[in-house]
Structures are given as structure tokens and as C-alpha cells.
Protein backbone atom coordinates (compact mmCIF):
# COMPACT_ATOMS: atom_id res chain seq x y z
CA MET A 1 71.38 46.61 -36.12
CA ILE A 2 68.55 45.17 -34.03
CA GLY A 3 70.67 42.14 -33.24
CA PHE A 4 73.11 44.41 -31.42
CA TYR A 5 70.48 46.23 -29.35
CA SER A 6 70.57 45.63 -25.61
CA SER A 7 67.95 47.20 -23.36
CA ALA A 8 70.09 46.33 -20.34
CA ARG A 9 72.79 48.76 -21.50
CA THR A 10 70.68 51.83 -20.77
CA ALA A 11 68.05 50.47 -18.37
CA GLY A 12 69.90 51.98 -15.41
CA ASN A 13 69.06 55.43 -16.77
CA VAL A 14 65.33 54.92 -16.25
CA SER A 15 64.25 56.91 -13.20
CA CYS A 16 60.47 56.71 -13.44
CA PRO A 17 58.36 53.78 -12.25
CA ALA A 18 58.35 51.01 -14.86
CA LEU A 19 56.27 47.86 -15.19
CA PHE A 20 57.98 44.81 -16.69
CA GLN A 21 55.59 42.05 -17.72
CA VAL A 22 57.93 39.21 -18.56
CA MET A 23 56.91 35.96 -20.21
CA SER A 24 58.55 32.76 -18.95
CA ASN A 25 58.96 31.17 -22.38
CA ASP A 26 59.58 34.19 -24.61
CA ALA A 27 61.65 33.36 -27.70
CA VAL A 28 61.54 36.96 -29.01
CA ALA A 29 62.53 38.80 -25.82
CA PRO A 30 64.19 36.09 -23.71
CA THR A 31 63.20 36.01 -20.05
CA ASN A 32 66.74 36.28 -18.72
CA VAL A 33 67.43 39.36 -20.88
CA ALA A 34 64.21 41.07 -19.75
CA LEU A 35 64.96 40.33 -16.10
CA LYS A 36 68.51 41.64 -16.47
CA ALA A 37 67.20 44.93 -17.85
CA ALA A 38 64.46 45.16 -15.23
CA GLY A 39 66.97 44.56 -12.48
CA LYS A 40 68.80 47.74 -13.45
CA VAL A 41 65.71 49.97 -13.18
CA GLN A 42 65.48 51.49 -9.70
CA ARG A 43 61.69 51.68 -9.55
CA ALA A 44 60.85 48.52 -11.45
CA THR A 45 57.80 46.40 -10.82
CA ILE A 46 58.37 42.95 -12.28
CA ARG A 47 55.63 40.44 -13.05
CA ILE A 48 56.45 37.09 -14.62
CA HIS A 49 53.76 35.20 -16.52
CA GLU A 50 53.69 31.71 -17.98
CA GLY A 51 53.71 31.70 -21.76
CA GLY A 52 55.36 32.99 -24.89
CA HIS A 53 55.88 36.40 -26.43
CA PHE A 54 52.44 36.84 -27.99
CA ASP A 55 50.33 35.18 -25.27
CA PRO A 56 49.52 38.46 -23.48
CA TYR A 57 47.59 39.65 -26.54
CA VAL A 58 44.92 36.96 -26.34
CA GLU A 59 42.78 35.35 -23.68
CA PRO A 60 43.05 33.89 -21.16
CA LEU A 61 46.09 36.05 -20.29
CA PHE A 62 44.96 39.29 -21.96
CA SER A 63 42.53 40.32 -19.18
CA GLU A 64 45.11 39.63 -16.46
CA ILE A 65 47.80 41.64 -18.28
CA ILE A 66 45.49 44.63 -18.77
CA GLU A 67 44.33 44.59 -15.14
CA GLU A 68 47.94 44.46 -13.99
CA GLN A 69 48.76 47.48 -16.17
CA LEU A 70 45.76 49.43 -14.88
CA ALA A 71 46.63 48.62 -11.25
CA PHE A 72 50.21 49.79 -11.86
CA LEU A 73 48.98 53.05 -13.39
CA ARG A 74 46.47 53.65 -10.57
CA LYS A 75 49.29 53.25 -8.05
CA GLU A 76 52.06 55.13 -9.85
CA VAL A 77 50.09 57.81 -11.73
CA PRO A 78 47.14 58.67 -9.52
CA VAL A 79 44.52 61.04 -10.87
CA LYS A 80 43.93 63.98 -8.55
């Protein structure tokens, strides 16, 4: 069934802020598919990074990915 799943089908239903960290050479979640889904989310923040699917989990990209996520959360979910 996973081969028939399409995140773009329901992405337009997302109403909260969402961060999309898209990899430019992703063979698992292809870039064009991720961008199509992100484009349907009203409050999407899209960041494109060079690399493949698993590159965000290791340095040198790991630190940048985490900082981007923390900055997004600080902006969209401020602590009062």
C-alpha cells in the first residue's frame, strides 16, 4: 500500500505552520513530490538542502537541520 500513498493528496488540509526540509537528491522522498505537497500547505516554510534522504542525520548537515527546526519552532510556537 505504501506505493500508493501520496502526501500531496491531503496536504491541503494542513492548517498549522509546517516546516518542509527537502533534500535536492532524495531517492526515497523525491524532491518534486515533496515540493508538490509543500505547495499545498497554506502556512508552509520550505527549505531545500543539497544531498540525499539520509544526509540530514549526520554532519555536516545535521547541525544546520536542527538549528533550522529550532528557529522554526521559536517563531511558530513561542514560549510565553
